[in-house]
Amino acid sequence: MLNLLKKAFWVPYEPADVYPTVEKAHQAIARYCQQNGMTCSFPSDDEVLLDGKPYEIYRGYETGSRGNYGVKCREK
């Protein structure tokens, strides 16, 4: 139940038919942050600090997308 209250969002990722590597996911997140005036740093492969708040990085199927891959950030 507590996971439902945490902030989460999908980061635009292209090409959506190719599984995102760690490097590609970090690039997509950095580009998203730059476009939205946010700061980001990557303390580990599966974690990002967005404006100082820790988020976990999910790389995999985007639900409801008919098999497309995506990058999701969810507040820890």
Protein backbone atom coordinates (compact mmCIF):
# COMPACT_ATOMS: atom_id res chain seq x y z
CA MET A 1 0.00 0.00 0.00
CA LEU A 2 2.82 2.41 0.77
CA ASN A 3 4.29 1.97 -2.73
CA LEU A 4 1.14 3.56 -4.17
CA LEU A 5 1.93 6.83 -2.43
CA LYS A 6 5.45 7.15 -3.85
CA LYS A 7 6.08 9.44 -6.82
CA ALA A 8 6.94 7.60 -10.04
CA PHE A 9 7.23 8.64 -13.68
CA TRP A 10 8.31 7.22 -17.04
CA VAL A 11 11.23 8.88 -18.80
CA PRO A 12 11.00 9.20 -22.61
CA TYR A 13 13.25 6.53 -24.13
CA GLU A 14 14.01 5.83 -27.80
CA PRO A 15 14.20 3.35 -29.46
CA ALA A 16 11.43 1.73 -27.42
CA ASP A 17 11.82 -1.68 -29.08
CA VAL A 18 15.37 -2.16 -27.71
CA TYR A 19 16.05 -3.03 -24.06
CA PRO A 20 17.65 0.01 -22.33
CA THR A 21 21.17 -0.60 -21.07
CA VAL A 22 22.36 1.14 -17.91
CA GLU A 23 24.22 3.69 -20.02
CA LYS A 24 21.20 4.41 -22.27
CA ALA A 25 18.91 4.72 -19.22
CA HIS A 26 21.30 7.20 -17.57
CA GLN A 27 21.48 9.22 -20.79
CA ALA A 28 17.67 9.33 -21.08
CA ILE A 29 17.29 10.42 -17.45
CA ALA A 30 20.00 13.09 -17.79
CA ARG A 31 18.32 14.43 -20.95
CA TYR A 32 14.93 14.49 -19.17
CA CYS A 33 16.43 16.38 -16.22
CA GLN A 34 18.14 18.91 -18.50
CA GLN A 35 14.87 19.58 -20.37
CA ASN A 36 12.93 20.04 -17.11
CA GLY A 37 15.49 22.12 -15.19
CA MET A 38 16.34 19.39 -12.67
CA THR A 39 19.69 18.20 -11.35
CA CYS A 40 20.65 14.55 -11.34
CA SER A 41 23.51 12.31 -10.25
CA PHE A 42 23.92 8.54 -10.37
CA PRO A 43 25.35 7.02 -7.15
CA SER A 44 24.82 3.48 -8.58
CA ASP A 45 23.52 1.73 -11.68
CA ASP A 46 19.96 1.43 -10.35
CA GLU A 47 19.67 4.69 -8.41
CA VAL A 48 19.47 8.38 -9.33
CA LEU A 49 19.35 11.50 -7.18
CA LEU A 50 16.87 13.98 -8.69
CA ASP A 51 17.18 17.37 -7.02
CA GLY A 52 18.69 15.57 -4.02
CA LYS A 53 15.91 12.96 -3.64
CA PRO A 54 16.74 9.28 -4.21
CA TYR A 55 14.85 7.39 -6.93
CA GLU A 56 15.25 3.81 -8.07
CA ILE A 57 15.59 3.15 -11.80
CA TYR A 58 13.47 0.48 -13.49
CA ARG A 59 14.43 -0.67 -16.98
CA GLY A 60 11.96 -3.00 -18.63
CA TYR A 61 8.54 -3.37 -20.19
CA GLU A 62 6.34 -0.31 -20.08
CA THR A 63 2.89 -1.47 -18.98
CA GLY A 64 0.17 -1.05 -21.56
CA SER A 65 2.65 -0.33 -24.35
CA ARG A 66 2.35 -3.58 -26.33
CA GLY A 67 5.88 -4.78 -25.65
CA ASN A 68 7.83 -1.53 -25.70
CA TYR A 69 10.63 -0.98 -23.24
CA GLY A 70 10.97 2.05 -21.01
CA VAL A 71 12.81 3.71 -18.15
CA LYS A 72 10.91 4.47 -14.94
CA CYS A 73 12.03 6.41 -11.88
CA ARG A 74 10.31 5.68 -8.56
CA GLU A 75 10.87 7.55 -5.31
CA LYS A 76 12.61 5.49 -2.62
